Amino acid sequence: MKSKITTLVLGVLTYLNVSGQKSEFVKSDSIIYPIHQSNIGKIAFMGQAIAIENFKATDFLESFELKEKTDLNIRVFLGHSLTNYLHLLSPQLPIEELTKNGNYQFTFIVDNKKIYVENLNAGAGNAESKNHKTMFRVPLISTTNEDSWGRFLWNRFFGNGGQEALSEGEHQLKIEIRPYLKLTEVVTGDIIAEGQLKIIVPEIKIDEKLVKIQMIKPTKEWQLASEQIDVAKIEELNRKIAKQTYKNVTSIVAIKDGKILIEEYFNGANRNTLHDTRSVGKSFASTLLGIAIKDKYIKSETQNLKEFYNLKSYQNYSKAKDSITLKSLLTMSSTFEGSDMNSESPGNEENMYPTKNWVDFTLNLPIDKTKQVNKQWDYFTAGVVVLGDIIHKSVPNGLEKYAQKNLFEPLAITKYKWQFTPQKIANTAGSLQLSSLDYAKFGQLYLNEGKWNGKQIVSQDWVAKSLSHQMVISDDEFYGYLFWNKTYTVNGLNYEVYYSSGNGGNRIFIFKDQPIVIVITATAYNTPYGEKQVEKMMQEYLIPLVMKKTADKSN
């Protein structure tokens, strides 16, 4: 159940100031700089970071031009340390519990409208600074990518309404900071610091040629759709991409009834560009496993890992490992202690990449005793690496050549690029690079229930299993065999899609009840906006565009 947000009006600063320094729960750092003494409770904005010894009131920014390659920092002047403010929210808690469960709450307000509120993760900042610091500086925007929670906080604000709120023109940005404590519910105190800044967002001048719908020609495999498309709406989308409302998008392709309806390229990409779509490649691992089962090189996805590896020779052996199935790796439901959603997880993919052998890394992991077998969905890239290794060992001439002969050649895909594991095996975890139209072939293959040009490349049964609700992710999101599933609602109508998904906003959408495939490629890797802008483009532009004629007919 979601925490109930409760705001306590405690008069924090008044209480502490009246009581004096001696009444502090834990001794704060002394306030020794005049600039601090005269600005308690204020947030100062500055461009480049200025050392406190040299910081003057004239260095406070009153306005800031939001553009590329610029810095924006804040310095926060407090009357007391965070722990003292947290103490007033729960006087009975010891210091350790306060620092463990509390932190700052940031509220971003643009033009008097609350845009984004975040309770900083309790792990942001160490106990020493929480207990004693009365002043701190963090970057919001950094040209050197300074490693700080402040920069990531700004990115999350920007990706959750900030970008739309800070449109071209002048705006007033206000930031409020409060203490919060997460107990059985989230408790917040009064404002302990606030500051305002005029933000100037310059107009991005673009070449109008970038807005015009791009001329496309048929290929040997793709004919052009004959139906009329809403040119004005496509050009409206193109303008937003050119003006970086939607950033780092490289291509959009829509296939309807097996023909090209939309084909647009951006930011230097073209029809021949090979796109690094990151984890979109995981879906290809599912396909290759299905083909290998069809060809009887692998019996079934219900086989256990012990049929392919001597698990007792790996670290952390337990009998539970023996029963881990290929299916559980396909559906992200294995019991390995591995989670890409938890940075502290031993099996997080970032712990795998520096190792010399990714398969050994995975099979050495312990079992997570809190996980129920095949019941809990938990994204686990390392498991897909193991699937690739199993395919590689089971098929003739290895995974790469098998994929070329049994998947790429039948689809007439001649240009592609694999990433490889340290053992020089094609990496099924991601970064298989294809052109946008070739990604569309992959989506169309599944729309055709595994057939391409009359040939059954993947069995119909495997396609049905892959595009099904194998695992529940949330109330409205599901997972199949390395394919995601969700439903969009546009203009009161529901459109269920299965899709391949990759970091940065990369997607291959396969519509369940419509003859439509949509491919989006982008390079917005590890950004707060990469995934969100895909949703906006689908909801506001692409689904209305591809469904327009169908909707018109129904009317």
Protein backbone atom coordinates (compact mmCIF):
# COMPACT_ATOMS: atom_id res chain seq x y z
CA MET A 1 0.00 0.00 0.00
CA LYS A 2 1.35 3.43 -0.89
CA SER A 3 2.53 5.58 1.98
CA LYS A 4 0.18 8.29 3.08
CA ILE A 5 1.85 11.69 2.85
CA THR A 6 1.40 13.70 6.01
CA THR A 7 2.65 17.27 6.45
CA LEU A 8 3.44 18.47 9.96
CA VAL A 9 3.47 22.17 10.67
CA LEU A 10 6.07 22.24 13.41
CA GLY A 11 7.69 25.65 13.17
CA VAL A 12 11.06 23.93 12.95
CA LEU A 13 13.29 26.96 12.65
CA THR A 14 11.39 28.91 15.30
CA TYR A 15 11.68 26.08 17.79
CA LEU A 16 15.39 25.69 17.30
CA ASN A 17 16.18 29.38 17.21
CA VAL A 18 14.25 30.08 20.41
CA SER A 19 15.77 27.10 22.18
CA GLY A 20 19.27 27.97 21.01
CA GLN A 21 22.19 25.86 19.86
CA LYS A 22 22.45 23.94 23.12
CA SER A 23 19.03 22.40 22.60
CA GLU A 24 20.09 20.72 19.38
CA PHE A 25 19.65 16.96 19.32
CA VAL A 26 23.05 16.60 17.66
CA LYS A 27 25.58 19.42 17.36
CA SER A 28 25.54 21.09 13.94
CA ASP A 29 28.55 22.66 12.30
CA SER A 30 29.06 26.25 13.40
CA ILE A 31 27.82 28.95 11.06
CA ILE A 32 31.01 30.95 10.54
CA TYR A 33 30.62 32.68 7.18
CA PRO A 34 28.74 36.01 7.09
CA ILE A 35 27.15 34.99 3.75
CA HIS A 36 25.68 31.98 5.53
CA GLN A 37 24.51 33.92 8.57
CA SER A 38 22.64 36.43 6.43
CA ASN A 39 21.00 33.82 4.18
CA ILE A 40 19.78 31.07 6.51
CA GLY A 41 16.80 29.33 4.93
CA LYS A 42 17.75 30.34 1.40
CA ILE A 43 18.86 28.49 -1.70
CA ALA A 44 21.44 30.38 -3.74
CA PHE A 45 21.74 29.62 -7.45
CA MET A 46 25.08 30.00 -9.22
CA GLY A 47 26.58 29.06 -12.56
CA GLN A 48 29.95 27.44 -12.01
CA ALA A 49 30.69 26.31 -8.48
CA ILE A 50 32.30 29.01 -6.32
CA ALA A 51 34.14 28.09 -3.13
CA ILE A 52 32.30 29.29 -0.03
CA GLU A 53 35.34 31.33 1.01
CA ASN A 54 34.94 33.43 -2.14
CA PHE A 55 31.15 33.37 -2.40
CA LYS A 56 29.44 36.77 -2.25
CA ALA A 57 25.84 37.95 -2.42
CA THR A 58 26.59 39.38 -5.87
CA ASP A 59 27.30 35.81 -7.06
CA PHE A 60 23.66 34.83 -6.50
CA LEU A 61 22.10 34.25 -9.91
CA GLU A 62 18.81 36.04 -10.52
CA SER A 63 18.35 34.70 -14.05
CA PHE A 64 19.76 31.79 -15.99
CA GLU A 65 19.69 30.87 -19.69
CA LEU A 66 18.92 27.18 -20.06
CA LYS A 67 21.04 25.94 -22.95
CA GLU A 68 23.57 23.28 -23.90
CA LYS A 69 27.01 23.24 -22.27
CA THR A 70 26.25 25.31 -19.21
CA ASP A 71 26.46 24.78 -15.46
CA LEU A 72 23.89 25.38 -12.76
CA ASN A 73 24.62 24.82 -9.06
CA ILE A 74 22.76 25.48 -5.84
CA ARG A 75 24.15 26.26 -2.41
CA VAL A 76 21.74 25.63 0.46
CA PHE A 77 22.07 27.63 3.70
CA LEU A 78 20.44 25.93 6.71
CA GLY A 79 20.08 26.98 10.32
CA HIS A 80 20.75 23.47 11.62
CA SER A 81 21.74 20.06 10.32
CA LEU A 82 19.24 17.74 8.67
CA THR A 83 19.25 15.33 11.63
CA ASN A 84 18.06 18.09 13.96
CA TYR A 85 15.13 18.83 11.67
CA LEU A 86 14.35 15.12 11.43
CA HIS A 87 14.45 14.85 15.23
CA LEU A 88 11.51 17.25 15.46
CA LEU A 89 9.49 14.93 13.20
CA SER A 90 10.05 11.97 15.51
CA PRO A 91 11.67 12.96 18.84
CA GLN A 92 11.78 9.38 20.13
CA LEU A 93 14.00 7.99 17.33
CA PRO A 94 17.77 7.62 17.86
CA ILE A 95 20.21 9.32 15.53
CA GLU A 96 20.91 6.16 13.55
CA GLU A 97 17.24 5.64 12.71
CA LEU A 98 16.80 9.27 11.72
CA THR A 99 19.69 9.24 9.26
CA LYS A 100 18.69 5.81 7.96
CA ASN A 101 15.07 6.73 7.25
CA GLY A 102 15.14 10.44 6.50
CA ASN A 103 16.44 12.97 4.03
CA TYR A 104 15.46 16.13 2.15
CA GLN A 105 12.28 16.55 0.16
CA PHE A 106 12.64 18.74 -2.93
CA THR A 107 9.70 20.51 -4.55
CA PHE A 108 10.08 22.10 -7.99
CA ILE A 109 7.60 24.84 -8.86
CA VAL A 110 7.46 26.53 -12.27
CA ASP A 111 5.35 29.66 -12.78
CA ASN A 112 3.54 29.02 -9.48
CA LYS A 113 2.61 25.48 -10.52
CA LYS A 114 3.96 22.51 -8.60
CA ILE A 115 5.65 20.28 -11.16
CA TYR A 116 7.66 17.67 -9.28
CA VAL A 117 8.18 16.51 -5.70
CA GLU A 118 10.81 14.00 -4.67
CA ASN A 119 11.87 12.54 -1.37
CA LEU A 120 15.58 12.01 -1.84
CA ASN A 121 16.58 8.40 -1.34
CA ALA A 122 17.60 7.97 2.28
CA GLY A 123 20.95 6.71 1.02
CA ALA A 124 21.79 10.00 -0.71
CA GLY A 125 24.39 11.72 1.44
CA ASN A 126 26.22 10.09 4.34
CA ALA A 127 25.33 10.08 8.02
CA GLU A 128 28.14 12.49 8.87
CA SER A 129 26.80 15.21 6.57
CA LYS A 130 23.20 14.64 7.74
CA ASN A 131 24.23 14.96 11.37
CA HIS A 132 26.42 18.04 11.13
CA LYS A 133 26.30 19.95 7.84
CA THR A 134 24.41 23.24 7.82
CA MET A 135 25.37 24.14 4.28
CA PHE A 136 25.86 22.17 1.08
CA ARG A 137 26.38 22.64 -2.66
CA VAL A 138 25.19 20.31 -5.40
CA PRO A 139 25.19 20.64 -9.19
CA LEU A 140 21.88 20.57 -11.00
CA ILE A 141 23.42 20.81 -14.47
CA SER A 142 27.09 19.95 -14.99
CA THR A 143 29.15 20.16 -18.18
CA THR A 144 31.65 17.77 -16.58
CA ASN A 145 28.93 15.30 -15.47
CA GLU A 146 29.92 15.76 -11.85
CA ASP A 147 28.89 12.67 -9.93
CA SER A 148 26.23 13.99 -7.57
CA TRP A 149 22.66 13.20 -6.56
CA GLY A 150 21.80 16.79 -7.43
CA ARG A 151 22.37 16.23 -11.13
CA PHE A 152 20.22 13.10 -11.15
CA LEU A 153 17.53 14.92 -9.17
CA TRP A 154 17.40 17.65 -11.82
CA ASN A 155 17.20 15.04 -14.58
CA ARG A 156 14.25 13.37 -12.86
CA PHE A 157 12.51 16.74 -12.49
CA PHE A 158 13.20 17.45 -16.15
CA GLY A 159 11.86 14.07 -17.21
CA ASN A 160 8.73 14.31 -15.06
CA GLY A 161 7.19 17.52 -16.32
CA GLY A 162 10.07 19.95 -16.07
CA GLN A 163 10.91 19.91 -19.75
CA GLU A 164 7.33 20.69 -20.74
CA ALA A 165 7.00 23.39 -18.08
CA LEU A 166 10.23 25.08 -19.16
CA SER A 167 9.15 25.73 -22.74
CA GLU A 168 10.61 28.50 -24.88
CA GLY A 169 10.40 31.86 -23.14
CA GLU A 170 10.81 33.13 -19.57
CA HIS A 171 9.78 31.20 -16.47
CA GLN A 172 10.07 31.49 -12.71
CA LEU A 173 11.56 28.42 -11.06
CA LYS A 174 11.17 27.94 -7.33
CA ILE A 175 12.73 25.15 -5.28
CA GLU A 176 11.56 24.31 -1.76
CA ILE A 177 13.37 21.96 0.61
CA ARG A 178 11.75 20.22 3.56
CA PRO A 179 12.86 17.38 5.83
CA TYR A 180 11.05 14.07 5.47
CA LEU A 181 11.05 10.88 7.48
CA LYS A 182 9.74 7.54 6.26
CA LEU A 183 8.26 5.52 9.09
CA THR A 184 4.95 3.70 8.77
CA GLU A 185 4.00 6.75 6.72
CA VAL A 186 5.98 9.57 5.16
CA VAL A 187 6.13 12.61 7.43
CA THR A 188 7.34 15.98 6.15
CA GLY A 189 8.21 19.17 8.00
CA ASP A 190 8.09 22.85 7.15
CA ILE A 191 10.23 24.49 4.49
CA ILE A 192 13.82 24.77 5.72
CA ALA A 193 15.23 26.43 2.58
CA GLU A 194 13.84 27.93 -0.62
CA GLY A 195 15.03 29.93 -3.58
CA GLN A 196 13.81 31.35 -6.90
CA LEU A 197 15.43 31.84 -10.29
CA LYS A 198 14.24 33.30 -13.57
CA ILE A 199 14.83 30.68 -16.27
CA ILE A 200 15.21 31.89 -19.85
CA VAL A 201 14.69 29.16 -22.43
CA PRO A 202 15.93 30.40 -25.82
CA GLU A 203 14.15 29.51 -29.02
CA ILE A 204 15.84 26.66 -30.83
CA LYS A 205 16.20 27.69 -34.45
CA ILE A 206 15.91 24.78 -36.83
CA ASP A 207 16.18 24.13 -40.53
CA GLU A 208 12.59 23.83 -41.76
CA LYS A 209 13.76 21.09 -44.10
CA LEU A 210 14.07 18.88 -41.02
CA VAL A 211 10.35 19.28 -40.37
CA LYS A 212 9.10 18.26 -43.81
CA ILE A 213 7.92 14.69 -44.23
CA GLN A 214 10.75 12.65 -45.72
CA MET A 215 10.41 11.11 -49.16
CA ILE A 216 10.65 7.34 -49.07
CA LYS A 217 11.04 4.70 -51.73
CA PRO A 218 9.98 1.06 -51.76
CA THR A 219 12.54 -1.72 -51.27
CA LYS A 220 12.63 -5.33 -52.46
CA GLU A 221 10.96 -6.40 -49.21
CA TRP A 222 8.77 -3.38 -48.48
CA GLN A 223 6.14 -1.69 -50.61
CA LEU A 224 4.70 1.70 -49.67
CA ALA A 225 1.25 1.98 -48.11
CA SER A 226 -1.24 3.65 -50.44
CA GLU A 227 -3.42 5.23 -47.76
CA GLN A 228 -3.14 8.92 -47.03
CA ILE A 229 -1.30 9.92 -43.90
CA ASP A 230 -1.82 13.04 -41.79
CA VAL A 231 1.19 15.00 -43.05
CA ALA A 232 0.60 17.92 -40.69
CA LYS A 233 0.70 15.64 -37.64
CA ILE A 234 3.90 13.92 -38.78
CA GLU A 235 5.52 17.30 -39.36
CA GLU A 236 4.37 18.46 -35.94
CA LEU A 237 6.16 15.44 -34.47
CA ASN A 238 9.22 16.08 -36.64
CA ARG A 239 9.34 19.66 -35.36
CA LYS A 240 9.35 18.51 -31.75
CA ILE A 241 12.22 16.14 -32.48
CA ALA A 242 14.15 18.85 -34.33
CA LYS A 243 13.59 21.29 -31.45
CA GLN A 244 14.69 18.61 -28.97
CA THR A 245 11.37 18.42 -27.18
CA TYR A 246 11.90 14.73 -27.88
CA LYS A 247 15.64 14.24 -27.66
CA ASN A 248 18.08 11.89 -29.37
CA VAL A 249 15.44 10.16 -31.50
CA THR A 250 17.09 8.61 -34.57
CA SER A 251 14.23 6.94 -36.44
CA ILE A 252 10.54 6.17 -36.53
CA VAL A 253 9.09 3.50 -38.81
CA ALA A 254 5.47 2.38 -38.98
CA ILE A 255 4.37 -0.67 -40.97
CA LYS A 256 0.68 -1.18 -41.69
CA ASP A 257 -0.75 -4.15 -43.58
CA GLY A 258 2.84 -5.18 -44.34
CA LYS A 259 3.70 -1.90 -46.06
CA ILE A 260 5.66 1.20 -45.07
CA LEU A 261 3.33 3.89 -43.77
CA ILE A 262 5.88 6.12 -41.98
CA GLU A 263 9.68 6.20 -42.33
CA GLU A 264 11.44 9.18 -40.76
CA TYR A 265 15.09 9.62 -39.72
CA PHE A 266 16.65 12.18 -37.42
CA ASN A 267 19.93 13.39 -35.93
CA GLY A 268 22.12 12.11 -38.75
CA ALA A 269 20.57 8.66 -39.13
CA ASN A 270 19.30 7.24 -42.42
CA ARG A 271 17.88 4.05 -43.91
CA ASN A 272 21.29 2.32 -43.74
CA THR A 273 22.14 3.26 -40.15
CA LEU A 274 22.68 0.35 -37.76
CA HIS A 275 21.09 1.30 -34.44
CA ASP A 276 22.30 0.15 -31.02
CA THR A 277 18.94 -0.60 -29.44
CA ARG A 278 20.42 -2.17 -26.30
CA SER A 279 18.03 -4.72 -24.74
CA VAL A 280 15.83 -4.97 -27.84
CA GLY A 281 18.37 -7.70 -28.66
CA LYS A 282 17.00 -9.84 -25.83
CA SER A 283 13.92 -10.58 -27.91
CA PHE A 284 16.16 -12.00 -30.63
CA ALA A 285 17.54 -14.44 -28.03
CA SER A 286 13.99 -15.66 -27.48
CA THR A 287 13.54 -16.10 -31.22
CA LEU A 288 16.75 -18.07 -31.64
CA LEU A 289 15.88 -20.34 -28.72
CA GLY A 290 12.49 -20.99 -30.31
CA ILE A 291 14.11 -21.85 -33.64
CA ALA A 292 16.61 -24.16 -31.92
CA ILE A 293 13.72 -25.97 -30.21
CA LYS A 294 11.87 -26.22 -33.54
CA ASP A 295 15.04 -27.71 -35.09
CA LYS A 296 15.30 -30.14 -32.11
CA TYR A 297 18.75 -28.96 -31.01
CA ILE A 298 17.19 -28.08 -27.65
CA LYS A 299 14.32 -30.19 -26.31
CA SER A 300 12.21 -27.57 -24.60
CA GLU A 301 12.30 -24.37 -22.61
CA THR A 302 11.21 -26.44 -19.62
CA GLN A 303 14.68 -28.02 -19.45
CA ASN A 304 16.71 -27.29 -16.34
CA LEU A 305 20.12 -25.66 -16.17
CA LYS A 306 21.63 -28.85 -14.76
CA GLU A 307 21.08 -30.47 -18.17
CA PHE A 308 23.57 -27.99 -19.65
CA TYR A 309 26.02 -27.28 -16.81
CA ASN A 310 27.65 -29.09 -13.92
CA LEU A 311 26.21 -26.67 -11.40
CA LYS A 312 28.08 -28.27 -8.50
CA SER A 313 31.31 -26.95 -9.99
CA TYR A 314 30.15 -23.36 -9.53
CA GLN A 315 30.07 -21.28 -6.37
CA ASN A 316 27.04 -21.12 -4.06
CA TYR A 317 25.63 -24.43 -5.26
CA SER A 318 22.25 -25.48 -3.91
CA LYS A 319 19.65 -27.95 -5.12
CA ALA A 320 17.42 -25.02 -5.98
CA LYS A 321 19.77 -24.18 -8.84
CA ASP A 322 19.15 -27.59 -10.39
CA SER A 323 15.49 -26.74 -10.95
CA ILE A 324 16.02 -23.36 -12.64
CA THR A 325 14.51 -23.67 -16.12
CA LEU A 326 15.23 -21.94 -19.41
CA LYS A 327 11.64 -20.70 -19.23
CA SER A 328 12.36 -18.88 -15.97
CA LEU A 329 15.23 -17.05 -17.67
CA LEU A 330 12.97 -16.19 -20.62
CA THR A 331 10.32 -14.78 -18.29
CA MET A 332 12.70 -13.09 -15.83
CA SER A 333 11.37 -15.25 -13.01
CA SER A 334 14.37 -17.34 -11.95
CA THR A 335 15.43 -17.51 -8.32
CA PHE A 336 19.00 -16.30 -8.86
CA GLU A 337 19.98 -13.45 -6.56
CA GLY A 338 20.11 -11.10 -9.50
CA SER A 339 18.15 -7.94 -10.25
CA ASP A 340 18.98 -5.11 -12.61
CA MET A 341 16.38 -3.00 -10.82
CA ASN A 342 18.35 -3.14 -7.58
CA SER A 343 21.81 -1.57 -7.75
CA GLU A 344 22.78 -3.45 -4.58
CA SER A 345 21.94 -6.86 -6.05
CA PRO A 346 24.95 -9.19 -6.48
CA GLY A 347 23.61 -10.19 -9.90
CA ASN A 348 23.03 -6.67 -11.21
CA GLU A 349 24.27 -6.44 -14.79
CA GLU A 350 26.73 -3.67 -13.90
CA ASN A 351 28.57 -6.19 -11.71
CA MET A 352 28.72 -8.65 -14.60
CA TYR A 353 30.28 -6.53 -17.34
CA PRO A 354 33.73 -6.07 -15.74
CA THR A 355 34.16 -9.84 -15.17
CA LYS A 356 36.13 -12.15 -17.44
CA ASN A 357 33.34 -14.67 -17.92
CA TRP A 358 29.70 -13.57 -17.81
CA VAL A 359 28.29 -17.11 -17.72
CA ASP A 360 30.49 -18.04 -14.76
CA PHE A 361 29.44 -14.81 -13.06
CA THR A 362 25.79 -15.81 -13.40
CA LEU A 363 26.07 -19.44 -12.41
CA ASN A 364 28.20 -18.51 -9.39
CA LEU A 365 25.40 -16.36 -7.98
CA PRO A 366 23.56 -17.60 -4.89
CA ILE A 367 19.86 -18.36 -4.81
CA ASP A 368 17.58 -15.63 -3.48
CA LYS A 369 15.56 -17.47 -0.85
CA THR A 370 12.93 -14.72 -0.80
CA LYS A 371 11.92 -15.43 -4.40
CA GLN A 372 9.20 -17.93 -5.21
CA VAL A 373 9.95 -20.22 -8.13
CA ASN A 374 8.48 -18.83 -11.37
CA LYS A 375 6.28 -16.44 -9.40
CA GLN A 376 8.23 -13.19 -9.11
CA TRP A 377 9.23 -11.08 -12.12
CA ASP A 378 12.65 -9.45 -11.69
CA TYR A 379 14.62 -8.08 -14.65
CA PHE A 380 17.84 -10.09 -14.91
CA THR A 381 20.12 -9.49 -17.89
CA ALA A 382 22.72 -12.06 -16.80
CA GLY A 383 20.16 -14.83 -17.22
CA VAL A 384 19.75 -13.97 -20.90
CA VAL A 385 23.52 -14.29 -21.33
CA VAL A 386 23.21 -17.86 -20.05
CA LEU A 387 20.43 -18.53 -22.57
CA GLY A 388 22.74 -17.33 -25.32
CA ASP A 389 25.49 -19.62 -24.11
CA ILE A 390 23.12 -22.59 -24.08
CA ILE A 391 22.03 -21.85 -27.64
CA HIS A 392 25.66 -21.41 -28.70
CA LYS A 393 26.65 -24.81 -27.25
CA SER A 394 23.60 -26.63 -28.61
CA VAL A 395 23.35 -25.56 -32.26
CA PRO A 396 25.75 -26.43 -35.09
CA ASN A 397 28.59 -23.92 -35.64
CA GLY A 398 27.58 -21.71 -32.72
CA LEU A 399 25.00 -19.00 -32.15
CA GLU A 400 26.30 -16.35 -34.57
CA LYS A 401 26.35 -18.58 -37.65
CA TYR A 402 23.11 -20.26 -36.63
CA ALA A 403 21.37 -16.88 -36.39
CA GLN A 404 22.71 -15.87 -39.78
CA LYS A 405 21.46 -19.03 -41.50
CA ASN A 406 18.14 -19.51 -39.71
CA LEU A 407 16.95 -15.97 -38.94
CA PHE A 408 18.76 -13.24 -40.81
CA GLU A 409 19.09 -14.90 -44.24
CA PRO A 410 15.40 -15.90 -44.41
CA LEU A 411 14.49 -12.28 -43.53
CA ALA A 412 16.98 -10.97 -46.13
CA ILE A 413 18.85 -9.10 -43.40
CA THR A 414 22.42 -8.76 -44.65
CA LYS A 415 23.80 -5.89 -42.60
CA TYR A 416 23.89 -6.23 -38.82
CA LYS A 417 26.40 -6.08 -36.00
CA TRP A 418 26.68 -8.18 -32.86
CA GLN A 419 28.29 -7.23 -29.59
CA PHE A 420 30.31 -10.11 -28.11
CA THR A 421 30.89 -11.52 -24.64
CA PRO A 422 34.45 -11.91 -23.29
CA GLN A 423 34.33 -15.47 -24.68
CA LYS A 424 33.63 -14.05 -28.19
CA ILE A 425 30.07 -15.39 -28.20
CA ALA A 426 27.36 -13.22 -29.72
CA ASN A 427 25.81 -11.28 -26.85
CA THR A 428 22.13 -12.07 -26.40
CA ALA A 429 21.81 -9.51 -23.57
CA GLY A 430 21.58 -6.67 -26.08
CA SER A 431 23.23 -4.27 -28.53
CA LEU A 432 22.48 -6.29 -31.64
CA GLN A 433 22.50 -3.53 -34.27
CA LEU A 434 20.18 -3.52 -37.30
CA SER A 435 18.63 -0.91 -39.54
CA SER A 436 15.18 0.38 -38.65
CA LEU A 437 13.51 -1.40 -41.57
CA ASP A 438 15.18 -4.66 -40.57
CA TYR A 439 13.93 -4.25 -37.01
CA ALA A 440 10.52 -3.80 -38.61
CA LYS A 441 10.97 -7.15 -40.39
CA PHE A 442 11.53 -8.77 -37.01
CA GLY A 443 8.32 -7.24 -35.68
CA GLN A 444 6.40 -8.22 -38.81
CA LEU A 445 7.67 -11.80 -38.43
CA TYR A 446 5.85 -12.00 -35.10
CA LEU A 447 2.79 -10.23 -36.47
CA ASN A 448 2.76 -12.95 -39.17
CA GLU A 449 2.83 -15.65 -36.45
CA GLY A 450 6.39 -16.67 -37.34
CA LYS A 451 6.09 -16.64 -41.14
CA TRP A 452 8.05 -14.58 -43.68
CA ASN A 453 7.32 -14.85 -47.40
CA GLY A 454 5.36 -18.03 -46.76
CA LYS A 455 8.14 -19.77 -44.83
CA GLN A 456 7.64 -20.70 -41.16
CA ILE A 457 10.84 -19.37 -39.54
CA VAL A 458 9.61 -19.50 -35.94
CA SER A 459 6.88 -21.91 -34.92
CA GLN A 460 3.42 -20.48 -34.42
CA ASP A 461 3.34 -22.09 -30.99
CA TRP A 462 6.55 -20.33 -29.94
CA VAL A 463 5.24 -16.97 -31.13
CA ALA A 464 2.05 -17.52 -29.13
CA LYS A 465 4.03 -18.33 -25.98
CA SER A 466 6.37 -15.40 -26.49
CA LEU A 467 3.54 -12.92 -27.01
CA SER A 468 1.50 -13.85 -23.97
CA HIS A 469 1.04 -12.82 -20.34
CA GLN A 470 3.58 -15.22 -18.85
CA MET A 471 4.39 -12.95 -15.90
CA VAL A 472 2.61 -10.01 -14.25
CA ILE A 473 4.82 -6.94 -13.85
CA SER A 474 2.11 -4.58 -12.63
CA ASP A 475 -1.64 -4.12 -12.89
CA ASP A 476 -1.40 -3.16 -16.57
CA GLU A 477 1.96 -4.55 -17.69
CA PHE A 478 3.01 -8.12 -18.46
CA TYR A 479 5.97 -10.11 -19.74
CA GLY A 480 6.23 -13.01 -22.18
CA TYR A 481 9.33 -14.77 -23.49
CA LEU A 482 11.64 -11.71 -23.47
CA PHE A 483 8.83 -9.53 -24.83
CA TRP A 484 6.94 -6.88 -22.88
CA ASN A 485 3.20 -6.21 -23.01
CA LYS A 486 1.01 -3.23 -22.21
CA THR A 487 -2.15 -1.50 -23.41
CA TYR A 488 -2.38 2.07 -24.65
CA THR A 489 -5.63 3.98 -24.41
CA VAL A 490 -6.04 6.62 -27.12
CA ASN A 491 -9.25 8.51 -27.80
CA GLY A 492 -11.17 6.07 -25.61
CA LEU A 493 -9.96 2.97 -27.47
CA ASN A 494 -7.55 0.33 -26.15
CA TYR A 495 -4.59 -0.91 -28.18
CA GLU A 496 -2.71 -3.87 -26.74
CA VAL A 497 0.91 -4.17 -27.85
CA TYR A 498 3.75 -6.60 -27.34
CA TYR A 499 7.16 -5.03 -27.67
CA SER A 500 10.91 -5.35 -27.52
CA SER A 501 12.41 -2.68 -25.29
CA GLY A 502 15.88 -1.19 -24.97
CA ASN A 503 17.56 1.49 -22.87
CA GLY A 504 17.39 4.97 -24.37
CA GLY A 505 13.88 4.77 -25.79
CA ASN A 506 14.27 1.90 -28.29
CA ARG A 507 11.18 -0.14 -29.16
CA ILE A 508 9.67 -2.60 -31.62
CA PHE A 509 5.90 -2.52 -31.08
CA ILE A 510 3.74 -5.39 -32.37
CA PHE A 511 0.02 -4.63 -32.15
CA LYS A 512 -2.09 -7.54 -30.98
CA ASP A 513 -5.31 -6.89 -32.90
CA GLN A 514 -4.11 -4.54 -35.63
CA PRO A 515 -1.82 -5.18 -38.64
CA ILE A 516 0.71 -2.68 -37.33
CA VAL A 517 4.39 -2.66 -36.33
CA ILE A 518 6.09 0.49 -35.05
CA VAL A 519 9.85 0.88 -34.59
CA ILE A 520 11.41 3.72 -32.61
CA THR A 521 15.18 4.05 -32.25
CA ALA A 522 16.98 6.57 -30.05
CA THR A 523 20.27 7.20 -28.26
CA ALA A 524 18.87 8.72 -25.07
CA TYR A 525 20.69 6.11 -23.00
CA ASN A 526 20.42 6.35 -19.20
CA THR A 527 18.41 9.58 -19.34
CA PRO A 528 15.21 10.37 -17.43
CA TYR A 529 13.43 11.30 -20.65
CA GLY A 530 14.38 8.43 -22.98
CA GLU A 531 11.58 6.12 -21.91
CA LYS A 532 8.97 8.76 -21.11
CA GLN A 533 9.15 10.43 -24.50
CA VAL A 534 8.39 7.11 -26.22
CA GLU A 535 5.11 7.00 -24.31
CA LYS A 536 4.27 10.57 -25.34
CA MET A 537 5.09 9.95 -29.00
CA MET A 538 2.97 6.80 -29.05
CA GLN A 539 0.00 8.35 -27.21
CA GLU A 540 -0.05 11.74 -28.87
CA TYR A 541 1.24 11.03 -32.37
CA LEU A 542 1.99 7.54 -33.61
CA ILE A 543 -1.10 5.60 -32.54
CA PRO A 544 -3.44 8.39 -33.75
CA LEU A 545 -1.50 8.49 -37.04
CA VAL A 546 -1.54 4.77 -37.80
CA MET A 547 -5.12 4.29 -36.61
CA LYS A 548 -6.64 7.34 -38.27
CA LYS A 549 -8.01 5.62 -41.35
CA THR A 550 -9.37 2.72 -39.31
CA ALA A 551 -11.07 5.17 -36.95
CA ASP A 552 -12.45 7.16 -39.87
CA LYS A 553 -13.94 3.99 -41.38
CA SER A 554 -15.60 3.06 -38.10
CA ASN A 555 -17.24 6.47 -38.04
